[in-house]
Amino acid sequence: MLNENVNRPVGRPRDQRTDEAVLEAALELLIDFGVEATSIEKIAQRAGTTRAAIYRRYKNKEDLLVHAVIHVRQRNEAALGPWETMSLREIAQLYRKTETIETLFRYTRLLARLIGSVGDHPEIMAAYNASDLEPRRVLFGKILERAKADGTLRSDADIEIITDMFVGAIVARLLLRDRPADIEQMRDYIDRLFTQIFPEL
């Protein structure tokens, strides 16, 4: 379970722009180099601030990285939009968009970094799961339930299994096989994935 204080950084940020820059820099370095190769010094340099400014906000590197992956949810919402109001057909169209596929490329790399760090830094993966992955699974489940109600999805569909199939297929395509050479190849894969899992569409 996440520490109940995880959403309250140490100290009070003096400049919201600096706080944002620090989170973005931490996230970029985590994606590019992983947990061990990311340091407070490197984060400060990329954010254009100082180590002291970072330590006024966060207890240590791990605390900062936890907040950085929590910050991913805000970035994803900006890129993917309000899932709460979307139909399954709208989700299918959303996944075809270039910006969505670019987001998938980026955050699948993040997921790979976090999976690799679970043994030494389980709290970072736990934060990402609690703040982004699990809430998004819940939202996707609600979309599928609405699809069952309006006849887009068969009434006996197993929501949990379908969600696992969908997420697992994308992760497998991006992490366990050769990455698609370009966005069009990934778009084609997504089209075929929706056709196989949701033939009613």
Protein backbone atom coordinates (compact mmCIF):
# COMPACT_ATOMS: atom_id res chain seq x y z
CA MET A 1 0.00 0.00 0.00
CA LEU A 2 1.23 3.49 -0.81
CA ASN A 3 2.19 5.76 2.03
CA GLU A 4 -0.75 8.06 2.77
CA ASN A 5 1.60 11.03 2.52
CA VAL A 6 2.74 10.17 -1.00
CA ASN A 7 0.84 13.08 -2.53
CA ARG A 8 2.38 15.65 -0.21
CA PRO A 9 5.97 16.54 -1.13
CA VAL A 10 8.31 17.61 1.63
CA GLY A 11 8.39 21.38 1.89
CA ARG A 12 6.33 23.88 -0.01
CA PRO A 13 7.14 24.50 -3.69
CA ARG A 14 8.10 28.15 -4.17
CA ASP A 15 7.63 28.19 -7.93
CA GLN A 16 5.11 26.00 -9.73
CA ARG A 17 7.11 26.21 -12.96
CA THR A 18 10.16 24.81 -11.18
CA ASP A 19 8.09 22.07 -9.62
CA GLU A 20 6.75 21.10 -13.05
CA ALA A 21 10.22 21.22 -14.61
CA VAL A 22 11.62 18.95 -11.90
CA LEU A 23 8.87 16.36 -12.39
CA GLU A 24 9.27 16.43 -16.17
CA ALA A 25 13.05 16.13 -15.94
CA ALA A 26 12.79 13.22 -13.50
CA LEU A 27 10.32 11.44 -15.76
CA GLU A 28 12.41 11.94 -18.89
CA LEU A 29 15.57 10.66 -17.23
CA LEU A 30 13.73 7.69 -15.75
CA ILE A 31 12.40 6.72 -19.18
CA ASP A 32 15.72 7.27 -20.94
CA PHE A 33 18.13 5.79 -18.40
CA GLY A 34 16.26 3.93 -15.64
CA VAL A 35 16.16 4.39 -11.87
CA GLU A 36 19.78 3.63 -11.03
CA ALA A 37 21.25 5.96 -13.66
CA THR A 38 18.96 8.81 -12.67
CA SER A 39 20.31 11.10 -9.97
CA ILE A 40 19.19 14.26 -8.20
CA GLU A 41 22.14 16.04 -9.79
CA LYS A 42 21.10 15.05 -13.31
CA ILE A 43 17.49 15.95 -12.62
CA ALA A 44 18.50 19.37 -11.32
CA GLN A 45 20.67 20.02 -14.38
CA ARG A 46 17.93 19.05 -16.82
CA ALA A 47 15.29 21.03 -14.93
CA GLY A 48 17.52 24.11 -14.77
CA THR A 49 17.42 24.26 -10.99
CA THR A 50 19.51 23.22 -7.99
CA ARG A 51 19.79 20.15 -5.79
CA ALA A 52 18.71 22.31 -2.85
CA ALA A 53 15.51 23.28 -4.65
CA ILE A 54 14.70 19.63 -5.25
CA TYR A 55 15.41 18.61 -1.65
CA ARG A 56 13.04 21.33 -0.46
CA ARG A 57 10.32 19.44 -2.32
CA TYR A 58 11.25 15.78 -1.95
CA LYS A 59 12.96 13.61 0.66
CA ASN A 60 15.18 11.73 -1.79
CA LYS A 61 15.42 10.46 -5.36
CA GLU A 62 12.92 7.67 -4.82
CA ASP A 63 10.37 10.09 -3.37
CA LEU A 64 10.79 12.36 -6.39
CA LEU A 65 10.44 9.47 -8.86
CA VAL A 66 7.27 8.31 -7.12
CA HIS A 67 5.79 11.77 -7.66
CA ALA A 68 7.07 11.86 -11.23
CA VAL A 69 5.23 8.67 -12.18
CA ILE A 70 2.09 9.92 -10.41
CA HIS A 71 2.44 12.99 -12.62
CA VAL A 72 2.16 10.71 -15.66
CA ARG A 73 -1.62 10.50 -15.15
CA GLN A 74 -1.98 14.24 -15.76
CA ARG A 75 0.09 14.00 -18.95
CA ASN A 76 -1.89 11.02 -20.17
CA GLU A 77 -5.19 12.76 -19.56
CA ALA A 78 -3.98 15.68 -21.63
CA ALA A 79 -3.03 13.32 -24.47
CA LEU A 80 -5.86 10.80 -24.30
CA GLY A 81 -8.79 12.87 -23.10
CA PRO A 82 -11.67 12.12 -20.67
CA TRP A 83 -12.24 8.38 -20.87
CA GLU A 84 -15.16 8.64 -18.46
CA THR A 85 -17.45 9.98 -21.20
CA MET A 86 -16.23 7.89 -24.15
CA SER A 87 -17.92 4.98 -25.87
CA LEU A 88 -16.03 1.89 -27.03
CA ARG A 89 -16.20 3.16 -30.62
CA GLU A 90 -14.71 6.49 -29.53
CA ILE A 91 -11.93 4.63 -27.70
CA ALA A 92 -11.17 2.69 -30.88
CA GLN A 93 -10.84 5.95 -32.81
CA LEU A 94 -8.75 7.48 -30.03
CA TYR A 95 -6.23 4.64 -30.20
CA ARG A 96 -5.75 5.24 -33.92
CA LYS A 97 -4.56 8.82 -33.39
CA THR A 98 -0.89 9.60 -33.87
CA GLU A 99 -0.58 11.33 -30.49
CA THR A 100 -2.08 8.30 -28.72
CA ILE A 101 0.36 5.92 -30.40
CA GLU A 102 3.26 8.22 -29.54
CA THR A 103 2.07 8.16 -25.92
CA LEU A 104 1.94 4.35 -26.01
CA PHE A 105 5.51 4.22 -27.31
CA ARG A 106 6.74 6.56 -24.58
CA TYR A 107 4.96 5.09 -21.61
CA THR A 108 5.56 1.48 -22.56
CA ARG A 109 9.24 2.36 -22.26
CA LEU A 110 8.48 3.78 -18.82
CA LEU A 111 6.67 0.59 -17.86
CA ALA A 112 9.70 -1.45 -18.94
CA ARG A 113 11.95 0.68 -16.72
CA LEU A 114 9.60 0.29 -13.76
CA ILE A 115 9.24 -3.46 -14.17
CA GLY A 116 13.03 -3.73 -14.22
CA SER A 117 13.30 -1.74 -11.00
CA VAL A 118 10.64 -3.61 -8.98
CA GLY A 119 13.18 -5.65 -7.03
CA ASP A 120 15.06 -2.63 -5.67
CA HIS A 121 12.42 0.12 -5.87
CA PRO A 122 8.95 -1.47 -5.61
CA GLU A 123 7.41 1.76 -4.35
CA ILE A 124 7.87 3.47 -7.72
CA MET A 125 6.04 0.75 -9.65
CA ALA A 126 3.37 0.69 -6.95
CA ALA A 127 2.83 4.43 -7.36
CA TYR A 128 2.49 4.12 -11.14
CA ASN A 129 0.07 1.23 -10.79
CA ALA A 130 -2.08 3.00 -8.19
CA SER A 131 -2.12 6.39 -9.89
CA ASP A 132 -2.40 5.44 -13.58
CA LEU A 133 -2.64 1.78 -14.52
CA GLU A 134 -5.35 0.62 -12.12
CA PRO A 135 -7.58 3.72 -12.48
CA ARG A 136 -7.37 3.35 -16.25
CA ARG A 137 -8.32 -0.34 -16.00
CA VAL A 138 -11.35 0.68 -13.93
CA LEU A 139 -12.37 3.29 -16.50
CA PHE A 140 -11.91 0.84 -19.38
CA GLY A 141 -14.07 -1.63 -17.48
CA LYS A 142 -16.85 0.96 -17.21
CA ILE A 143 -16.61 1.64 -20.95
CA LEU A 144 -16.95 -2.09 -21.63
CA GLU A 145 -19.95 -2.33 -19.30
CA ARG A 146 -21.64 0.50 -21.20
CA ALA A 147 -20.80 -1.29 -24.45
CA LYS A 148 -22.52 -4.43 -23.13
CA ALA A 149 -25.56 -2.37 -22.18
CA ASP A 150 -25.90 -0.74 -25.63
CA GLY A 151 -25.21 -3.94 -27.55
CA THR A 152 -21.78 -2.95 -28.87
CA LEU A 153 -20.25 -5.79 -26.82
CA ARG A 154 -21.84 -9.18 -26.29
CA SER A 155 -23.73 -9.50 -23.02
CA ASP A 156 -21.69 -12.46 -21.71
CA ALA A 157 -18.30 -10.76 -22.26
CA ASP A 158 -15.83 -11.16 -19.37
CA ILE A 159 -14.68 -7.60 -18.65
CA GLU A 160 -11.57 -8.58 -16.69
CA ILE A 161 -10.35 -11.03 -19.34
CA ILE A 162 -11.02 -8.62 -22.21
CA THR A 163 -9.13 -5.85 -20.41
CA ASP A 164 -6.17 -8.16 -19.80
CA MET A 165 -6.21 -9.29 -23.43
CA PHE A 166 -6.23 -5.71 -24.70
CA VAL A 167 -3.53 -4.37 -22.39
CA GLY A 168 -1.44 -7.52 -22.68
CA ALA A 169 -1.49 -7.45 -26.47
CA ILE A 170 -0.23 -3.87 -26.63
CA VAL A 171 2.47 -4.45 -24.02
CA ALA A 172 3.59 -7.66 -25.75
CA ARG A 173 3.73 -5.91 -29.13
CA LEU A 174 5.81 -3.02 -27.79
CA LEU A 175 8.01 -4.79 -25.24
CA LEU A 176 8.28 -8.48 -26.03
CA ARG A 177 8.58 -8.33 -29.81
CA ASP A 178 10.47 -6.06 -32.18
CA ARG A 179 8.99 -2.62 -31.80
CA PRO A 180 6.93 -1.48 -34.83
CA ALA A 181 9.10 0.52 -37.20
CA ASP A 182 6.70 3.43 -37.33
CA ILE A 183 3.34 4.78 -36.21
CA GLU A 184 1.51 3.35 -39.23
CA GLN A 185 2.60 -0.18 -38.36
CA MET A 186 1.36 0.26 -34.79
CA ARG A 187 -1.89 1.77 -36.05
CA ASP A 188 -2.42 -1.29 -38.25
CA TYR A 189 -1.78 -3.56 -35.26
CA ILE A 190 -4.27 -1.62 -33.12
CA ASP A 191 -6.90 -1.85 -35.88
CA ARG A 192 -6.43 -5.61 -36.05
CA LEU A 193 -6.50 -5.87 -32.25
CA PHE A 194 -9.84 -4.07 -32.00
CA THR A 195 -11.24 -6.22 -34.82
CA GLN A 196 -10.25 -9.44 -33.04
CA ILE A 197 -11.34 -8.50 -29.51
CA PHE A 198 -14.37 -6.41 -30.46
CA PRO A 199 -15.81 -7.89 -33.68
CA GLU A 200 -19.10 -6.13 -32.97
CA LEU A 201 -17.43 -2.82 -33.79
